[in-house]
Amino acid sequence: MFSEEGDLLVKRALAEFLPAANYSAAEAELSTFHERLSALQDIDVRSAGGSYVDDYLGWVDPEDYDASGAVRLRHDA
């Protein structure tokens, strides 16, 4: 982020979030990259404080990624 303290806070948040996200995806039987991305970017989901995922992570176009999650080379942009 913008400081060592900020970097540490982000690192700690991700260390907590990623295992929980993996567990939740398995429980929901989300097995593909696009299924998981769709669940992550669900506009009907808000945090307890009322925030949307794009307030934290932004939004990405699913069409920019192949089935494995690799960025697609686009020639139309």
PDB file of N, CA and C in Angstrom:
ATOM      1  N   MET A   1       0.851  -1.178   0.000  1.00  0.00           N
ATOM      2  CA  MET A   1       0.000   0.000   0.000  1.00  0.00           C
ATOM      3  C   MET A   1       0.891   1.233   0.000  1.00  0.00           C
ATOM      4  N   PHE A   2       0.793   2.034   1.067  1.00  0.00           N
ATOM      5  CA  PHE A   2       1.547   3.279   1.091  1.00  0.00           C
ATOM      6  C   PHE A   2       2.560   3.345   2.225  1.00  0.00           C
ATOM      7  N   SER A   3       2.631   2.269   3.014  1.00  0.00           N
ATOM      8  CA  SER A   3       3.578   2.220   4.125  1.00  0.00           C
ATOM      9  C   SER A   3       3.828   0.756   4.491  1.00  0.00           C
ATOM     10  N   GLU A   4       4.876   0.525   5.272  1.00  0.00           N
ATOM     11  CA  GLU A   4       5.137  -0.840   5.734  1.00  0.00           C
ATOM     12  C   GLU A   4       3.984  -1.334   6.599  1.00  0.00           C
ATOM     13  N   GLU A   5       3.436  -0.444   7.431  1.00  0.00           N
ATOM     14  CA  GLU A   5       2.301  -0.826   8.282  1.00  0.00           C
ATOM     15  C   GLU A   5       1.088  -1.189   7.426  1.00  0.00           C
ATOM     16  N   GLY A   6       0.823  -0.401   6.386  1.00  0.00           N
ATOM     17  CA  GLY A   6      -0.276  -0.701   5.479  1.00  0.00           C
ATOM     18  C   GLY A   6      -0.075  -2.019   4.760  1.00  0.00           C
ATOM     19  N   ASP A   7       1.153  -2.273   4.322  1.00  0.00           N
ATOM     20  CA  ASP A   7       1.468  -3.545   3.665  1.00  0.00           C
ATOM     21  C   ASP A   7       1.199  -4.716   4.596  1.00  0.00           C
ATOM     22  N   LEU A   8       1.594  -4.579   5.850  1.00  0.00           N
ATOM     23  CA  LEU A   8       1.386  -5.648   6.823  1.00  0.00           C
ATOM     24  C   LEU A   8      -0.103  -5.885   7.066  1.00  0.00           C
ATOM     25  N   LEU A   9      -0.874  -4.820   7.151  1.00  0.00           N
ATOM     26  CA  LEU A   9      -2.320  -4.965   7.359  1.00  0.00           C
ATOM     27  C   LEU A   9      -2.981  -5.675   6.178  1.00  0.00           C
ATOM     28  N   VAL A  10      -2.559  -5.334   4.961  1.00  0.00           N
ATOM     29  CA  VAL A  10      -3.104  -6.005   3.766  1.00  0.00           C
ATOM     30  C   VAL A  10      -2.694  -7.476   3.773  1.00  0.00           C
ATOM     31  N   LYS A  11      -1.445  -7.742   4.083  1.00  0.00           N
ATOM     32  CA  LYS A  11      -0.959  -9.120   4.136  1.00  0.00           C
ATOM     33  C   LYS A  11      -1.756  -9.940   5.141  1.00  0.00           C
ATOM     34  N   ARG A  12      -2.020  -9.385   6.302  1.00  0.00           N
ATOM     35  CA  ARG A  12      -2.801 -10.095   7.334  1.00  0.00           C
ATOM     36  C   ARG A  12      -4.243 -10.320   6.882  1.00  0.00           C
ATOM     37  N   ALA A  13      -4.819  -9.319   6.255  1.00  0.00           N
ATOM     38  CA  ALA A  13      -6.202  -9.465   5.776  1.00  0.00           C
ATOM     39  C   ALA A  13      -6.295 -10.559   4.717  1.00  0.00           C
ATOM     40  N   LEU A  14      -5.339 -10.580   3.794  1.00  0.00           N
ATOM     41  CA  LEU A  14      -5.350 -11.618   2.758  1.00  0.00           C
ATOM     42  C   LEU A  14      -5.093 -12.999   3.348  1.00  0.00           C
ATOM     43  N   ALA A  15      -4.231 -13.085   4.351  1.00  0.00           N
ATOM     44  CA  ALA A  15      -3.950 -14.369   4.994  1.00  0.00           C
ATOM     45  C   ALA A  15      -5.203 -14.930   5.657  1.00  0.00           C
ATOM     46  N   GLU A  16      -6.083 -14.075   6.100  1.00  0.00           N
ATOM     47  CA  GLU A  16      -7.358 -14.512   6.693  1.00  0.00           C
ATOM     48  C   GLU A  16      -8.403 -14.775   5.611  1.00  0.00           C
ATOM     49  N   PHE A  17      -8.464 -13.896   4.615  1.00  0.00           N
ATOM     50  CA  PHE A  17      -9.500 -13.982   3.584  1.00  0.00           C
ATOM     51  C   PHE A  17      -9.330 -15.179   2.652  1.00  0.00           C
ATOM     52  N   LEU A  18      -8.127 -15.412   2.153  1.00  0.00           N
ATOM     53  CA  LEU A  18      -7.929 -16.431   1.115  1.00  0.00           C
ATOM     54  C   LEU A  18      -8.303 -17.842   1.566  1.00  0.00           C
ATOM     55  N   PRO A  19      -7.875 -18.308   2.739  1.00  0.00           N
ATOM     56  CA  PRO A  19      -8.318 -19.640   3.161  1.00  0.00           C
ATOM     57  C   PRO A  19      -9.842 -19.722   3.348  1.00  0.00           C
ATOM     58  N   ALA A  20     -10.439 -18.657   3.870  1.00  0.00           N
ATOM     59  CA  ALA A  20     -11.893 -18.645   4.044  1.00  0.00           C
ATOM     60  C   ALA A  20     -12.599 -18.655   2.691  1.00  0.00           C
ATOM     61  N   ALA A  21     -12.072 -17.918   1.727  1.00  0.00           N
ATOM     62  CA  ALA A  21     -12.664 -17.894   0.379  1.00  0.00           C
ATOM     63  C   ALA A  21     -12.546 -19.265  -0.279  1.00  0.00           C
ATOM     64  N   ASN A  22     -11.400 -19.912  -0.135  1.00  0.00           N
ATOM     65  CA  ASN A  22     -11.223 -21.254  -0.696  1.00  0.00           C
ATOM     66  C   ASN A  22     -12.199 -22.242  -0.070  1.00  0.00           C
ATOM     67  N   TYR A  23     -12.364 -22.175   1.237  1.00  0.00           N
ATOM     68  CA  TYR A  23     -13.304 -23.056   1.934  1.00  0.00           C
ATOM     69  C   TYR A  23     -14.732 -22.799   1.447  1.00  0.00           C
ATOM     70  N   SER A  24     -15.116 -21.542   1.376  1.00  0.00           N
ATOM     71  CA  SER A  24     -16.474 -21.188   0.935  1.00  0.00           C
ATOM     72  C   SER A  24     -16.729 -21.634  -0.497  1.00  0.00           C
ATOM     73  N   ALA A  25     -15.747 -21.476  -1.367  1.00  0.00           N
ATOM     74  CA  ALA A  25     -15.898 -21.905  -2.758  1.00  0.00           C
ATOM     75  C   ALA A  25     -16.098 -23.414  -2.840  1.00  0.00           C
ATOM     76  N   ALA A  26     -15.350 -24.159  -2.047  1.00  0.00           N
ATOM     77  CA  ALA A  26     -15.504 -25.615  -2.039  1.00  0.00           C
ATOM     78  C   ALA A  26     -16.880 -26.008  -1.508  1.00  0.00           C
ATOM     79  N   GLU A  27     -17.313 -25.354  -0.446  1.00  0.00           N
ATOM     80  CA  GLU A  27     -18.641 -25.637   0.125  1.00  0.00           C
ATOM     81  C   GLU A  27     -19.756 -25.338  -0.875  1.00  0.00           C
ATOM     82  N   ALA A  28     -19.588 -24.295  -1.671  1.00  0.00           N
ATOM     83  CA  ALA A  28     -20.600 -23.897  -2.661  1.00  0.00           C
ATOM     84  C   ALA A  28     -20.425 -24.640  -3.987  1.00  0.00           C
ATOM     85  N   GLU A  29     -19.436 -25.533  -4.023  1.00  0.00           N
ATOM     86  CA  GLU A  29     -19.143 -26.313  -5.227  1.00  0.00           C
ATOM     87  C   GLU A  29     -18.830 -25.425  -6.436  1.00  0.00           C
ATOM     88  N   LEU A  30     -18.085 -24.370  -6.169  1.00  0.00           N
ATOM     89  CA  LEU A  30     -17.612 -23.495  -7.240  1.00  0.00           C
ATOM     90  C   LEU A  30     -16.265 -24.034  -7.683  1.00  0.00           C
ATOM     91  N   SER A  31     -16.220 -24.650  -8.840  1.00  0.00           N
ATOM     92  CA  SER A  31     -14.998 -25.339  -9.233  1.00  0.00           C
ATOM     93  C   SER A  31     -14.231 -24.650 -10.355  1.00  0.00           C
ATOM     94  N   THR A  32     -14.841 -23.708 -11.050  1.00  0.00           N
ATOM     95  CA  THR A  32     -14.137 -23.056 -12.147  1.00  0.00           C
ATOM     96  C   THR A  32     -13.756 -21.625 -11.771  1.00  0.00           C
ATOM     97  N   PHE A  33     -12.776 -21.117 -12.475  1.00  0.00           N
ATOM     98  CA  PHE A  33     -12.356 -19.733 -12.257  1.00  0.00           C
ATOM     99  C   PHE A  33     -13.537 -18.775 -12.406  1.00  0.00           C
ATOM    100  N   HIS A  34     -14.302 -18.918 -13.476  1.00  0.00           N
ATOM    101  CA  HIS A  34     -15.398 -17.986 -13.739  1.00  0.00           C
ATOM    102  C   HIS A  34     -16.529 -18.113 -12.721  1.00  0.00           C
ATOM    103  N   GLU A  35     -16.788 -19.306 -12.219  1.00  0.00           N
ATOM    104  CA  GLU A  35     -17.787 -19.458 -11.157  1.00  0.00           C
ATOM    105  C   GLU A  35     -17.345 -18.713  -9.900  1.00  0.00           C
ATOM    106  N   ARG A  36     -16.077 -18.871  -9.559  1.00  0.00           N
ATOM    107  CA  ARG A  36     -15.558 -18.203  -8.364  1.00  0.00           C
ATOM    108  C   ARG A  36     -15.527 -16.682  -8.538  1.00  0.00           C
ATOM    109  N   LEU A  37     -15.126 -16.226  -9.714  1.00  0.00           N
ATOM    110  CA  LEU A  37     -15.102 -14.788  -9.976  1.00  0.00           C
ATOM    111  C   LEU A  37     -16.508 -14.206  -9.907  1.00  0.00           C
ATOM    112  N   SER A  38     -17.464 -14.907 -10.474  1.00  0.00           N
ATOM    113  CA  SER A  38     -18.857 -14.452 -10.433  1.00  0.00           C
ATOM    114  C   SER A  38     -19.359 -14.345  -8.991  1.00  0.00           C
ATOM    115  N   ALA A  39     -19.033 -15.330  -8.181  1.00  0.00           N
ATOM    116  CA  ALA A  39     -19.448 -15.285  -6.776  1.00  0.00           C
ATOM    117  C   ALA A  39     -18.769 -14.128  -6.049  1.00  0.00           C
ATOM    118  N   LEU A  40     -17.495 -13.910  -6.325  1.00  0.00           N
ATOM    119  CA  LEU A  40     -16.765 -12.817  -5.680  1.00  0.00           C
ATOM    120  C   LEU A  40     -17.344 -11.461  -6.069  1.00  0.00           C
ATOM    121  N   GLN A  41     -17.744 -11.311  -7.314  1.00  0.00           N
ATOM    122  CA  GLN A  41     -18.214 -10.015  -7.821  1.00  0.00           C
ATOM    123  C   GLN A  41     -19.733  -9.879  -7.794  1.00  0.00           C
ATOM    124  N   ASP A  42     -20.420 -10.733  -7.057  1.00  0.00           N
ATOM    125  CA  ASP A  42     -21.881 -10.702  -6.966  1.00  0.00           C
ATOM    126  C   ASP A  42     -22.346  -9.348  -6.414  1.00  0.00           C
ATOM    127  N   ILE A  43     -23.070  -8.587  -7.222  1.00  0.00           N
ATOM    128  CA  ILE A  43     -23.490  -7.239  -6.810  1.00  0.00           C
ATOM    129  C   ILE A  43     -24.580  -7.258  -5.741  1.00  0.00           C
ATOM    130  N   ASP A  44     -25.151  -8.430  -5.483  1.00  0.00           N
ATOM    131  CA  ASP A  44     -26.165  -8.536  -4.439  1.00  0.00           C
ATOM    132  C   ASP A  44     -25.551  -8.781  -3.061  1.00  0.00           C
ATOM    133  N   VAL A  45     -24.233  -8.928  -2.995  1.00  0.00           N
ATOM    134  CA  VAL A  45     -23.545  -9.209  -1.736  1.00  0.00           C
ATOM    135  C   VAL A  45     -22.873  -7.940  -1.234  1.00  0.00           C
ATOM    136  N   ARG A  46     -23.095  -7.671   0.065  1.00  0.00           N
ATOM    137  CA  ARG A  46     -22.473  -6.524   0.713  1.00  0.00           C
ATOM    138  C   ARG A  46     -21.838  -6.969   2.019  1.00  0.00           C
ATOM    139  N   SER A  47     -20.867  -6.212   2.467  1.00  0.00           N
ATOM    140  CA  SER A  47     -20.262  -6.488   3.773  1.00  0.00           C
ATOM    141  C   SER A  47     -21.232  -6.061   4.869  1.00  0.00           C
ATOM    142  N   ALA A  48     -20.901  -6.408   6.101  1.00  0.00           N
ATOM    143  CA  ALA A  48     -21.728  -6.001   7.240  1.00  0.00           C
ATOM    144  C   ALA A  48     -21.844  -4.479   7.315  1.00  0.00           C
ATOM    145  N   GLY A  49     -20.830  -3.780   6.818  1.00  0.00           N
ATOM    146  CA  GLY A  49     -20.839  -2.318   6.824  1.00  0.00           C
ATOM    147  C   GLY A  49     -21.491  -1.698   5.606  1.00  0.00           C
ATOM    148  N   GLY A  50     -21.978  -2.553   4.669  1.00  0.00           N
ATOM    149  CA  GLY A  50     -22.673  -2.058   3.496  1.00  0.00           C
ATOM    150  C   GLY A  50     -21.814  -1.852   2.264  1.00  0.00           C
ATOM    151  N   SER A  51     -20.550  -2.271   2.318  1.00  0.00           N
ATOM    152  CA  SER A  51     -19.653  -2.097   1.177  1.00  0.00           C
ATOM    153  C   SER A  51     -19.789  -3.239   0.178  1.00  0.00           C
ATOM    154  N   TYR A  52     -19.470  -2.935  -1.056  1.00  0.00           N
ATOM    155  CA  TYR A  52     -19.437  -3.936  -2.119  1.00  0.00           C
ATOM    156  C   TYR A  52     -18.002  -4.382  -2.340  1.00  0.00           C
ATOM    157  N   VAL A  53     -17.827  -5.535  -2.984  1.00  0.00           N
ATOM    158  CA  VAL A  53     -16.479  -6.055  -3.212  1.00  0.00           C
ATOM    159  C   VAL A  53     -15.631  -5.072  -4.019  1.00  0.00           C
ATOM    160  N   ASP A  54     -16.240  -4.357  -4.948  1.00  0.00           N
ATOM    161  CA  ASP A  54     -15.426  -3.444  -5.758  1.00  0.00           C
ATOM    162  C   ASP A  54     -14.929  -2.244  -4.949  1.00  0.00           C
ATOM    163  N   ASP A  55     -15.500  -2.021  -3.767  1.00  0.00           N
ATOM    164  CA  ASP A  55     -14.954  -0.986  -2.888  1.00  0.00           C
ATOM    165  C   ASP A  55     -13.572  -1.389  -2.378  1.00  0.00           C
ATOM    166  N   TYR A  56     -13.311  -2.687  -2.345  1.00  0.00           N
ATOM    167  CA  TYR A  56     -12.040  -3.206  -1.841  1.00  0.00           C
ATOM    168  C   TYR A  56     -11.119  -3.702  -2.961  1.00  0.00           C
ATOM    169  N   LEU A  57     -11.690  -4.432  -3.896  1.00  0.00           N
ATOM    170  CA  LEU A  57     -10.878  -5.123  -4.898  1.00  0.00           C
ATOM    171  C   LEU A  57     -11.062  -4.612  -6.316  1.00  0.00           C
ATOM    172  N   GLY A  58     -12.018  -3.741  -6.526  1.00  0.00           N
ATOM    173  CA  GLY A  58     -12.318  -3.316  -7.884  1.00  0.00           C
ATOM    174  C   GLY A  58     -13.156  -4.367  -8.595  1.00  0.00           C
ATOM    175  N   TRP A  59     -13.335  -4.188  -9.876  1.00  0.00           N
ATOM    176  CA  TRP A  59     -14.127  -5.119 -10.694  1.00  0.00           C
ATOM    177  C   TRP A  59     -13.326  -5.448 -11.935  1.00  0.00           C
ATOM    178  N   VAL A  60     -13.405  -6.702 -12.364  1.00  0.00           N
ATOM    179  CA  VAL A  60     -12.741  -7.101 -13.600  1.00  0.00           C
ATOM    180  C   VAL A  60     -13.758  -7.733 -14.531  1.00  0.00           C
ATOM    181  N   ASP A  61     -13.531  -7.572 -15.814  1.00  0.00           N
ATOM    182  CA  ASP A  61     -14.397  -8.163 -16.827  1.00  0.00           C
ATOM    183  C   ASP A  61     -14.040  -9.638 -16.967  1.00  0.00           C
ATOM    184  N   PRO A  62     -14.991 -10.534 -16.689  1.00  0.00           N
ATOM    185  CA  PRO A  62     -14.717 -11.968 -16.810  1.00  0.00           C
ATOM    186  C   PRO A  62     -14.223 -12.365 -18.200  1.00  0.00           C
ATOM    187  N   GLU A  63     -14.632 -11.625 -19.200  1.00  0.00           N
ATOM    188  CA  GLU A  63     -14.219 -11.954 -20.570  1.00  0.00           C
ATOM    189  C   GLU A  63     -12.733 -11.703 -20.807  1.00  0.00           C
ATOM    190  N   ASP A  64     -12.088 -11.001 -19.874  1.00  0.00           N
ATOM    191  CA  ASP A  64     -10.659 -10.747 -19.995  1.00  0.00           C
ATOM    192  C   ASP A  64      -9.808 -11.938 -19.551  1.00  0.00           C
ATOM    193  N   TYR A  65     -10.469 -13.019 -19.089  1.00  0.00           N
ATOM    194  CA  TYR A  65      -9.754 -14.170 -18.544  1.00  0.00           C
ATOM    195  C   TYR A  65     -10.233 -15.456 -19.190  1.00  0.00           C
ATOM    196  N   ASP A  66      -9.284 -16.374 -19.401  1.00  0.00           N
ATOM    197  CA  ASP A  66      -9.673 -17.678 -19.934  1.00  0.00           C
ATOM    198  C   ASP A  66     -10.157 -18.573 -18.791  1.00  0.00           C
ATOM    199  N   ALA A  67     -10.459 -19.818 -19.097  1.00  0.00           N
ATOM    200  CA  ALA A  67     -11.039 -20.730 -18.106  1.00  0.00           C
ATOM    201  C   ALA A  67     -10.101 -21.007 -16.933  1.00  0.00           C
ATOM    202  N   SER A  68      -8.797 -20.854 -17.139  1.00  0.00           N
ATOM    203  CA  SER A  68      -7.842 -21.103 -16.055  1.00  0.00           C
ATOM    204  C   SER A  68      -7.573 -19.853 -15.220  1.00  0.00           C
ATOM    205  N   GLY A  69      -8.097 -18.710 -15.656  1.00  0.00           N
ATOM    206  CA  GLY A  69      -7.869 -17.455 -14.949  1.00  0.00           C
ATOM    207  C   GLY A  69      -6.722 -16.641 -15.512  1.00  0.00           C
ATOM    208  N   ALA A  70      -6.129 -17.126 -16.592  1.00  0.00           N
ATOM    209  CA  ALA A  70      -5.047 -16.370 -17.239  1.00  0.00           C
ATOM    210  C   ALA A  70      -5.643 -15.231 -18.068  1.00  0.00           C
ATOM    211  N   VAL A  71      -4.953 -14.114 -18.087  1.00  0.00           N
ATOM    212  CA  VAL A  71      -5.414 -12.966 -18.870  1.00  0.00           C
ATOM    213  C   VAL A  71      -5.385 -13.330 -20.351  1.00  0.00           C
ATOM    214  N   ARG A  72      -6.493 -13.050 -21.025  1.00  0.00           N
ATOM    215  CA  ARG A  72      -6.568 -13.275 -22.471  1.00  0.00           C
ATOM    216  C   ARG A  72      -5.906 -12.124 -23.201  1.00  0.00           C
ATOM    217  N   LEU A  73      -5.189 -12.451 -24.237  1.00  0.00           N
ATOM    218  CA  LEU A  73      -4.642 -11.408 -25.103  1.00  0.00           C
ATOM    219  C   LEU A  73      -5.772 -10.891 -25.967  1.00  0.00           C
ATOM    220  N   ARG A  74      -5.998  -9.595 -25.924  1.00  0.00           N
ATOM    221  CA  ARG A  74      -7.084  -9.005 -26.705  1.00  0.00           C
ATOM    222  C   ARG A  74      -6.505  -8.103 -27.753  1.00  0.00           C
ATOM    223  N   HIS A  75      -7.012  -8.227 -28.932  1.00  0.00           N
ATOM    224  CA  HIS A  75      -6.527  -7.423 -30.033  1.00  0.00           C
ATOM    225  C   HIS A  75      -7.512  -6.331 -30.431  1.00  0.00           C
ATOM    226  N   ASP A  76      -8.651  -6.289 -29.718  1.00  0.00           N
ATOM    227  CA  ASP A  76      -9.681  -5.305 -30.084  1.00  0.00           C
ATOM    228  C   ASP A  76      -9.581  -4.030 -29.261  1.00  0.00           C
ATOM    229  N   ALA A  77      -8.665  -3.970 -28.329  1.00  0.00           N
ATOM    230  CA  ALA A  77      -8.573  -2.798 -27.452  1.00  0.00           C
ATOM    231  C   ALA A  77      -7.558  -1.800 -27.973  1.00  0.00           C
TER     232      ALA A  77
END
